[in-house]
Amino acid sequence: MKKILFFHTRWCPPCRNAMKTKILPLIDLFGKEKIEIIDADVNPQFAEKCGVTKLPAFFYIYPEQHIYMRVDHYSFQQLKELLDDKS
């Protein structure tokens, strides 16, 4: 299943903005099963394992096609297109 991993922290203003402008609208469109929200303060080992060095961080994963890529710079529309089953 295609999925977005979103690394954030509660104290990070850019993270809160990304949550409001990208993550919550994506959840509204695709449901929570396609968006995994990870608090880097709560799970620092996983964030480090994924190579997260700055926040917010976005990763697109599509295990069935062996696609794993960082998509921090993607707009809401680009993230939406990644998750769209028509793409």
PDB file of N, CA and C in Angstrom:
ATOM      1  N   MET A   1       0.833  -1.177   0.000  1.00  0.00           N
ATOM      2  CA  MET A   1       0.000   0.000   0.000  1.00  0.00           C
ATOM      3  C   MET A   1       0.884   1.249   0.000  1.00  0.00           C
ATOM      4  N   LYS A   2       0.531   2.194  -0.825  1.00  0.00           N
ATOM      5  CA  LYS A   2       1.218   3.484  -0.856  1.00  0.00           C
ATOM      6  C   LYS A   2       0.970   4.198   0.462  1.00  0.00           C
ATOM      7  N   LYS A   3       2.007   4.887   0.952  1.00  0.00           N
ATOM      8  CA  LYS A   3       1.882   5.545   2.248  1.00  0.00           C
ATOM      9  C   LYS A   3       2.841   6.725   2.335  1.00  0.00           C
ATOM     10  N   ILE A   4       2.459   7.723   3.115  1.00  0.00           N
ATOM     11  CA  ILE A   4       3.332   8.840   3.452  1.00  0.00           C
ATOM     12  C   ILE A   4       3.700   8.714   4.922  1.00  0.00           C
ATOM     13  N   LEU A   5       5.000   8.788   5.222  1.00  0.00           N
ATOM     14  CA  LEU A   5       5.465   8.889   6.598  1.00  0.00           C
ATOM     15  C   LEU A   5       5.770  10.358   6.847  1.00  0.00           C
ATOM     16  N   PHE A   6       5.211  10.901   7.922  1.00  0.00           N
ATOM     17  CA  PHE A   6       5.407  12.314   8.267  1.00  0.00           C
ATOM     18  C   PHE A   6       6.066  12.387   9.634  1.00  0.00           C
ATOM     19  N   PHE A   7       7.313  12.861   9.657  1.00  0.00           N
ATOM     20  CA  PHE A   7       8.043  13.048  10.906  1.00  0.00           C
ATOM     21  C   PHE A   7       7.892  14.498  11.347  1.00  0.00           C
ATOM     22  N   HIS A   8       7.567  14.698  12.616  1.00  0.00           N
ATOM     23  CA  HIS A   8       7.331  16.034  13.151  1.00  0.00           C
ATOM     24  C   HIS A   8       7.634  16.045  14.644  1.00  0.00           C
ATOM     25  N   THR A   9       7.526  17.209  15.240  1.00  0.00           N
ATOM     26  CA  THR A   9       7.472  17.366  16.694  1.00  0.00           C
ATOM     27  C   THR A   9       6.412  18.421  16.991  1.00  0.00           C
ATOM     28  N   ARG A  10       5.916  18.401  18.200  1.00  0.00           N
ATOM     29  CA  ARG A  10       4.863  19.355  18.581  1.00  0.00           C
ATOM     30  C   ARG A  10       5.373  20.791  18.663  1.00  0.00           C
ATOM     31  N   TRP A  11       6.635  20.971  18.997  1.00  0.00           N
ATOM     32  CA  TRP A  11       7.172  22.313  19.214  1.00  0.00           C
ATOM     33  C   TRP A  11       7.643  22.994  17.925  1.00  0.00           C
ATOM     34  N   CYS A  12       7.614  22.297  16.802  1.00  0.00           N
ATOM     35  CA  CYS A  12       8.178  22.774  15.538  1.00  0.00           C
ATOM     36  C   CYS A  12       7.126  23.545  14.722  1.00  0.00           C
ATOM     37  N   PRO A  13       7.266  24.886  14.571  1.00  0.00           N
ATOM     38  CA  PRO A  13       6.279  25.648  13.790  1.00  0.00           C
ATOM     39  C   PRO A  13       6.122  25.173  12.339  1.00  0.00           C
ATOM     40  N   PRO A  14       7.202  24.875  11.595  1.00  0.00           N
ATOM     41  CA  PRO A  14       7.001  24.362  10.234  1.00  0.00           C
ATOM     42  C   PRO A  14       6.250  23.020  10.212  1.00  0.00           C
ATOM     43  N   CYS A  15       6.460  22.220  11.254  1.00  0.00           N
ATOM     44  CA  CYS A  15       5.747  20.938  11.355  1.00  0.00           C
ATOM     45  C   CYS A  15       4.255  21.171  11.545  1.00  0.00           C
ATOM     46  N   ARG A  16       3.913  22.107  12.405  1.00  0.00           N
ATOM     47  CA  ARG A  16       2.490  22.416  12.630  1.00  0.00           C
ATOM     48  C   ARG A  16       1.854  22.942  11.350  1.00  0.00           C
ATOM     49  N   ASN A  17       2.582  23.753  10.603  1.00  0.00           N
ATOM     50  CA  ASN A  17       2.071  24.265   9.337  1.00  0.00           C
ATOM     51  C   ASN A  17       1.862  23.136   8.332  1.00  0.00           C
ATOM     52  N   ALA A  18       2.837  22.234   8.229  1.00  0.00           N
ATOM     53  CA  ALA A  18       2.715  21.100   7.311  1.00  0.00           C
ATOM     54  C   ALA A  18       1.552  20.192   7.719  1.00  0.00           C
ATOM     55  N   MET A  19       1.354  20.027   9.014  1.00  0.00           N
ATOM     56  CA  MET A  19       0.233  19.219   9.498  1.00  0.00           C
ATOM     57  C   MET A  19      -1.087  19.826   9.011  1.00  0.00           C
ATOM     58  N   LYS A  20      -1.189  21.142   9.140  1.00  0.00           N
ATOM     59  CA  LYS A  20      -2.433  21.838   8.779  1.00  0.00           C
ATOM     60  C   LYS A  20      -2.649  21.899   7.269  1.00  0.00           C
ATOM     61  N   THR A  21      -1.592  22.145   6.504  1.00  0.00           N
ATOM     62  CA  THR A  21      -1.756  22.390   5.065  1.00  0.00           C
ATOM     63  C   THR A  21      -1.582  21.156   4.186  1.00  0.00           C
ATOM     64  N   LYS A  22      -0.932  20.116   4.713  1.00  0.00           N
ATOM     65  CA  LYS A  22      -0.689  18.921   3.897  1.00  0.00           C
ATOM     66  C   LYS A  22      -1.263  17.652   4.528  1.00  0.00           C
ATOM     67  N   ILE A  23      -0.877  17.373   5.751  1.00  0.00           N
ATOM     68  CA  ILE A  23      -1.206  16.080   6.354  1.00  0.00           C
ATOM     69  C   ILE A  23      -2.692  15.926   6.642  1.00  0.00           C
ATOM     70  N   LEU A  24      -3.299  16.883   7.320  1.00  0.00           N
ATOM     71  CA  LEU A  24      -4.733  16.755   7.630  1.00  0.00           C
ATOM     72  C   LEU A  24      -5.591  16.689   6.366  1.00  0.00           C
ATOM     73  N   PRO A  25      -5.334  17.525   5.351  1.00  0.00           N
ATOM     74  CA  PRO A  25      -6.102  17.373   4.106  1.00  0.00           C
ATOM     75  C   PRO A  25      -5.884  16.009   3.422  1.00  0.00           C
ATOM     76  N   LEU A  26      -4.665  15.471   3.494  1.00  0.00           N
ATOM     77  CA  LEU A  26      -4.416  14.143   2.916  1.00  0.00           C
ATOM     78  C   LEU A  26      -5.178  13.063   3.676  1.00  0.00           C
ATOM     79  N   ILE A  27      -5.234  13.190   4.994  1.00  0.00           N
ATOM     80  CA  ILE A  27      -6.009  12.239   5.795  1.00  0.00           C
ATOM     81  C   ILE A  27      -7.482  12.323   5.423  1.00  0.00           C
ATOM     82  N   ASP A  28      -7.975  13.539   5.226  1.00  0.00           N
ATOM     83  CA  ASP A  28      -9.380  13.699   4.811  1.00  0.00           C
ATOM     84  C   ASP A  28      -9.653  12.995   3.490  1.00  0.00           C
ATOM     85  N   LEU A  29      -8.699  13.046   2.566  1.00  0.00           N
ATOM     86  CA  LEU A  29      -8.883  12.439   1.244  1.00  0.00           C
ATOM     87  C   LEU A  29      -8.662  10.927   1.223  1.00  0.00           C
ATOM     88  N   PHE A  30      -7.640  10.455   1.936  1.00  0.00           N
ATOM     89  CA  PHE A  30      -7.212   9.069   1.801  1.00  0.00           C
ATOM     90  C   PHE A  30      -7.380   8.220   3.054  1.00  0.00           C
ATOM     91  N   GLY A  31      -7.666   8.848   4.180  1.00  0.00           N
ATOM     92  CA  GLY A  31      -7.795   8.105   5.431  1.00  0.00           C
ATOM     93  C   GLY A  31      -6.466   7.952   6.154  1.00  0.00           C
ATOM     94  N   LYS A  32      -6.567   7.613   7.423  1.00  0.00           N
ATOM     95  CA  LYS A  32      -5.382   7.499   8.278  1.00  0.00           C
ATOM     96  C   LYS A  32      -4.468   6.341   7.906  1.00  0.00           C
ATOM     97  N   GLU A  33      -5.001   5.346   7.223  1.00  0.00           N
ATOM     98  CA  GLU A  33      -4.159   4.192   6.886  1.00  0.00           C
ATOM     99  C   GLU A  33      -3.079   4.522   5.860  1.00  0.00           C
ATOM    100  N   LYS A  34      -3.219   5.624   5.140  1.00  0.00           N
ATOM    101  CA  LYS A  34      -2.203   5.993   4.132  1.00  0.00           C
ATOM    102  C   LYS A  34      -1.238   7.071   4.625  1.00  0.00           C
ATOM    103  N   ILE A  35      -1.455   7.550   5.845  1.00  0.00           N
ATOM    104  CA  ILE A  35      -0.580   8.578   6.423  1.00  0.00           C
ATOM    105  C   ILE A  35      -0.124   8.091   7.791  1.00  0.00           C
ATOM    106  N   GLU A  36       1.179   7.973   7.977  1.00  0.00           N
ATOM    107  CA  GLU A  36       1.703   7.603   9.288  1.00  0.00           C
ATOM    108  C   GLU A  36       2.404   8.820   9.873  1.00  0.00           C
ATOM    109  N   ILE A  37       1.917   9.272  11.008  1.00  0.00           N
ATOM    110  CA  ILE A  37       2.457  10.456  11.682  1.00  0.00           C
ATOM    111  C   ILE A  37       3.372   9.982  12.802  1.00  0.00           C
ATOM    112  N   ILE A  38       4.623  10.413  12.741  1.00  0.00           N
ATOM    113  CA  ILE A  38       5.628   9.964  13.701  1.00  0.00           C
ATOM    114  C   ILE A  38       6.219  11.173  14.414  1.00  0.00           C
ATOM    115  N   ASP A  39       6.070  11.206  15.721  1.00  0.00           N
ATOM    116  CA  ASP A  39       6.667  12.269  16.530  1.00  0.00           C
ATOM    117  C   ASP A  39       8.129  11.904  16.767  1.00  0.00           C
ATOM    118  N   ALA A  40       9.038  12.687  16.235  1.00  0.00           N
ATOM    119  CA  ALA A  40      10.468  12.397  16.333  1.00  0.00           C
ATOM    120  C   ALA A  40      10.988  12.504  17.761  1.00  0.00           C
ATOM    121  N   ASP A  41      10.281  13.244  18.627  1.00  0.00           N
ATOM    122  CA  ASP A  41      10.672  13.300  20.041  1.00  0.00           C
ATOM    123  C   ASP A  41      10.286  12.015  20.767  1.00  0.00           C
ATOM    124  N   VAL A  42       9.192  11.395  20.357  1.00  0.00           N
ATOM    125  CA  VAL A  42       8.706  10.165  20.983  1.00  0.00           C
ATOM    126  C   VAL A  42       9.437   8.940  20.428  1.00  0.00           C
ATOM    127  N   ASN A  43       9.797   8.988  19.154  1.00  0.00           N
ATOM    128  CA  ASN A  43      10.447   7.846  18.506  1.00  0.00           C
ATOM    129  C   ASN A  43      11.737   8.274  17.801  1.00  0.00           C
ATOM    130  N   PRO A  44      12.719   8.767  18.567  1.00  0.00           N
ATOM    131  CA  PRO A  44      13.941   9.271  17.934  1.00  0.00           C
ATOM    132  C   PRO A  44      14.768   8.194  17.235  1.00  0.00           C
ATOM    133  N   GLN A  45      14.705   6.951  17.722  1.00  0.00           N
ATOM    134  CA  GLN A  45      15.478   5.892  17.091  1.00  0.00           C
ATOM    135  C   GLN A  45      14.983   5.627  15.665  1.00  0.00           C
ATOM    136  N   PHE A  46      13.667   5.607  15.469  1.00  0.00           N
ATOM    137  CA  PHE A  46      13.125   5.376  14.134  1.00  0.00           C
ATOM    138  C   PHE A  46      13.446   6.544  13.211  1.00  0.00           C
ATOM    139  N   ALA A  47      13.332   7.763  13.744  1.00  0.00           N
ATOM    140  CA  ALA A  47      13.679   8.947  12.943  1.00  0.00           C
ATOM    141  C   ALA A  47      15.137   8.886  12.501  1.00  0.00           C
ATOM    142  N   GLU A  48      16.008   8.516  13.416  1.00  0.00           N
ATOM    143  CA  GLU A  48      17.431   8.414  13.085  1.00  0.00           C
ATOM    144  C   GLU A  48      17.671   7.306  12.055  1.00  0.00           C
ATOM    145  N   LYS A  49      17.003   6.167  12.224  1.00  0.00           N
ATOM    146  CA  LYS A  49      17.141   5.053  11.288  1.00  0.00           C
ATOM    147  C   LYS A  49      16.719   5.465   9.876  1.00  0.00           C
ATOM    148  N   CYS A  50      15.719   6.351   9.781  1.00  0.00           N
ATOM    149  CA  CYS A  50      15.232   6.824   8.481  1.00  0.00           C
ATOM    150  C   CYS A  50      16.070   7.971   7.932  1.00  0.00           C
ATOM    151  N   GLY A  51      17.043   8.442   8.700  1.00  0.00           N
ATOM    152  CA  GLY A  51      17.921   9.502   8.228  1.00  0.00           C
ATOM    153  C   GLY A  51      17.352  10.898   8.398  1.00  0.00           C
ATOM    154  N   VAL A  52      16.394  11.048   9.299  1.00  0.00           N
ATOM    155  CA  VAL A  52      15.790  12.359   9.529  1.00  0.00           C
ATOM    156  C   VAL A  52      16.765  13.229  10.307  1.00  0.00           C
ATOM    157  N   THR A  53      17.147  14.350   9.710  1.00  0.00           N
ATOM    158  CA  THR A  53      18.050  15.295  10.369  1.00  0.00           C
ATOM    159  C   THR A  53      17.418  16.668  10.529  1.00  0.00           C
ATOM    160  N   LYS A  54      16.292  16.895   9.845  1.00  0.00           N
ATOM    161  CA  LYS A  54      15.555  18.147   9.993  1.00  0.00           C
ATOM    162  C   LYS A  54      14.069  17.848   9.851  1.00  0.00           C
ATOM    163  N   LEU A  55      13.290  18.716  10.439  1.00  0.00           N
ATOM    164  CA  LEU A  55      11.834  18.532  10.456  1.00  0.00           C
ATOM    165  C   LEU A  55      11.139  19.733   9.827  1.00  0.00           C
ATOM    166  N   PRO A  56       9.974  19.528   9.265  1.00  0.00           N
ATOM    167  CA  PRO A  56       9.294  18.255   9.076  1.00  0.00           C
ATOM    168  C   PRO A  56       9.970  17.429   7.982  1.00  0.00           C
ATOM    169  N   ALA A  57       9.740  16.130   8.022  1.00  0.00           N
ATOM    170  CA  ALA A  57      10.287  15.226   7.014  1.00  0.00           C
ATOM    171  C   ALA A  57       9.161  14.349   6.478  1.00  0.00           C
ATOM    172  N   PHE A  58       9.148  14.188   5.170  1.00  0.00           N
ATOM    173  CA  PHE A  58       8.134  13.386   4.492  1.00  0.00           C
ATOM    174  C   PHE A  58       8.823  12.278   3.702  1.00  0.00           C
ATOM    175  N   PHE A  59       8.289  11.073   3.804  1.00  0.00           N
ATOM    176  CA  PHE A  59       8.768   9.953   3.016  1.00  0.00           C
ATOM    177  C   PHE A  59       7.581   9.305   2.319  1.00  0.00           C
ATOM    178  N   TYR A  60       7.782   8.925   1.073  1.00  0.00           N
ATOM    179  CA  TYR A  60       6.781   8.174   0.315  1.00  0.00           C
ATOM    180  C   TYR A  60       7.264   6.741   0.240  1.00  0.00           C
ATOM    181  N   ILE A  61       6.409   5.812   0.637  1.00  0.00           N
ATOM    182  CA  ILE A  61       6.777   4.413   0.531  1.00  0.00           C
ATOM    183  C   ILE A  61       5.699   3.673  -0.251  1.00  0.00           C
ATOM    184  N   TYR A  62       6.153   2.782  -1.086  1.00  0.00           N
ATOM    185  CA  TYR A  62       5.277   1.929  -1.888  1.00  0.00           C
ATOM    186  C   TYR A  62       5.974   0.575  -1.961  1.00  0.00           C
ATOM    187  N   PRO A  63       5.864  -0.215  -0.878  1.00  0.00           N
ATOM    188  CA  PRO A  63       6.640  -1.453  -0.772  1.00  0.00           C
ATOM    189  C   PRO A  63       6.440  -2.423  -1.931  1.00  0.00           C
ATOM    190  N   GLU A  64       5.236  -2.512  -2.444  1.00  0.00           N
ATOM    191  CA  GLU A  64       4.974  -3.454  -3.534  1.00  0.00           C
ATOM    192  C   GLU A  64       5.818  -3.166  -4.769  1.00  0.00           C
ATOM    193  N   GLN A  65       6.165  -1.919  -4.968  1.00  0.00           N
ATOM    194  CA  GLN A  65       7.001  -1.530  -6.109  1.00  0.00           C
ATOM    195  C   GLN A  65       8.441  -1.219  -5.693  1.00  0.00           C
ATOM    196  N   HIS A  66       8.775  -1.465  -4.418  1.00  0.00           N
ATOM    197  CA  HIS A  66      10.113  -1.210  -3.877  1.00  0.00           C
ATOM    198  C   HIS A  66      10.520   0.261  -4.039  1.00  0.00           C
ATOM    199  N   ILE A  67       9.571   1.144  -3.799  1.00  0.00           N
ATOM    200  CA  ILE A  67       9.832   2.579  -3.904  1.00  0.00           C
ATOM    201  C   ILE A  67       9.847   3.169  -2.495  1.00  0.00           C
ATOM    202  N   TYR A  68      10.952   3.810  -2.154  1.00  0.00           N
ATOM    203  CA  TYR A  68      11.108   4.496  -0.877  1.00  0.00           C
ATOM    204  C   TYR A  68      11.844   5.792  -1.184  1.00  0.00           C
ATOM    205  N   MET A  69      11.195   6.922  -1.007  1.00  0.00           N
ATOM    206  CA  MET A  69      11.875   8.174  -1.340  1.00  0.00           C
ATOM    207  C   MET A  69      11.455   9.303  -0.415  1.00  0.00           C
ATOM    208  N   ARG A  70      12.382  10.203  -0.213  1.00  0.00           N
ATOM    209  CA  ARG A  70      12.124  11.380   0.621  1.00  0.00           C
ATOM    210  C   ARG A  70      11.458  12.431  -0.252  1.00  0.00           C
ATOM    211  N   VAL A  71      10.369  13.018   0.265  1.00  0.00           N
ATOM    212  CA  VAL A  71       9.583  13.961  -0.533  1.00  0.00           C
ATOM    213  C   VAL A  71       9.292  15.243   0.251  1.00  0.00           C
ATOM    214  N   ASP A  72      10.287  15.727   0.995  1.00  0.00           N
ATOM    215  CA  ASP A  72      10.108  16.936   1.807  1.00  0.00           C
ATOM    216  C   ASP A  72       9.639  18.132   0.986  1.00  0.00           C
ATOM    217  N   HIS A  73      10.157  18.259  -0.205  1.00  0.00           N
ATOM    218  CA  HIS A  73       9.907  19.441  -1.042  1.00  0.00           C
ATOM    219  C   HIS A  73       8.603  19.351  -1.837  1.00  0.00           C
ATOM    220  N   TYR A  74       7.869  18.247  -1.727  1.00  0.00           N
ATOM    221  CA  TYR A  74       6.654  18.072  -2.511  1.00  0.00           C
ATOM    222  C   TYR A  74       5.519  18.946  -1.984  1.00  0.00           C
ATOM    223  N   SER A  75       4.757  19.485  -2.899  1.00  0.00           N
ATOM    224  CA  SER A  75       3.568  20.268  -2.542  1.00  0.00           C
ATOM    225  C   SER A  75       2.437  19.319  -2.141  1.00  0.00           C
ATOM    226  N   PHE A  76       1.373  19.875  -1.606  1.00  0.00           N
ATOM    227  CA  PHE A  76       0.189  19.073  -1.281  1.00  0.00           C
ATOM    228  C   PHE A  76      -0.291  18.327  -2.518  1.00  0.00           C
ATOM    229  N   GLN A  77      -0.368  19.004  -3.644  1.00  0.00           N
ATOM    230  CA  GLN A  77      -0.855  18.383  -4.880  1.00  0.00           C
ATOM    231  C   GLN A  77       0.032  17.216  -5.304  1.00  0.00           C
ATOM    232  N   GLN A  78       1.332  17.380  -5.190  1.00  0.00           N
ATOM    233  CA  GLN A  78       2.255  16.305  -5.563  1.00  0.00           C
ATOM    234  C   GLN A  78       2.117  15.100  -4.626  1.00  0.00           C
ATOM    235  N   LEU A  79       1.949  15.371  -3.327  1.00  0.00           N
ATOM    236  CA  LEU A  79       1.737  14.276  -2.371  1.00  0.00           C
ATOM    237  C   LEU A  79       0.432  13.562  -2.669  1.00  0.00           C
ATOM    238  N   LYS A  80      -0.592  14.335  -2.987  1.00  0.00           N
ATOM    239  CA  LYS A  80      -1.901  13.773  -3.332  1.00  0.00           C
ATOM    240  C   LYS A  80      -1.782  12.852  -4.544  1.00  0.00           C
ATOM    241  N   GLU A  81      -1.045  13.282  -5.549  1.00  0.00           N
ATOM    242  CA  GLU A  81      -0.872  12.474  -6.761  1.00  0.00           C
ATOM    243  C   GLU A  81      -0.112  11.173  -6.471  1.00  0.00           C
ATOM    244  N   LEU A  82       0.830  11.219  -5.547  1.00  0.00           N
ATOM    245  CA  LEU A  82       1.561  10.001  -5.173  1.00  0.00           C
ATOM    246  C   LEU A  82       0.632   8.962  -4.573  1.00  0.00           C
ATOM    247  N   LEU A  83      -0.306   9.423  -3.734  1.00  0.00           N
ATOM    248  CA  LEU A  83      -1.191   8.505  -3.033  1.00  0.00           C
ATOM    249  C   LEU A  83      -2.406   8.085  -3.867  1.00  0.00           C
ATOM    250  N   ASP A  84      -2.688   8.819  -4.907  1.00  0.00           N
ATOM    251  CA  ASP A  84      -3.850   8.533  -5.732  1.00  0.00           C
ATOM    252  C   ASP A  84      -3.696   7.157  -6.386  1.00  0.00           C
ATOM    253  N   ASP A  85      -4.694   6.311  -6.251  1.00  0.00           N
ATOM    254  CA  ASP A  85      -4.626   4.963  -6.817  1.00  0.00           C
ATOM    255  C   ASP A  85      -4.629   4.968  -8.332  1.00  0.00           C
ATOM    256  N   LYS A  86      -4.993   6.084  -8.955  1.00  0.00           N
ATOM    257  CA  LYS A  86      -4.994   6.188 -10.406  1.00  0.00           C
ATOM    258  C   LYS A  86      -3.599   6.411 -10.969  1.00  0.00           C
ATOM    259  N   SER A  87      -2.658   6.776 -10.087  1.00  0.00           N
ATOM    260  CA  SER A  87      -1.294   7.057 -10.575  1.00  0.00           C
ATOM    261  C   SER A  87      -0.422   5.828 -10.526  1.00  0.00           C
TER     262      SER A  87
END
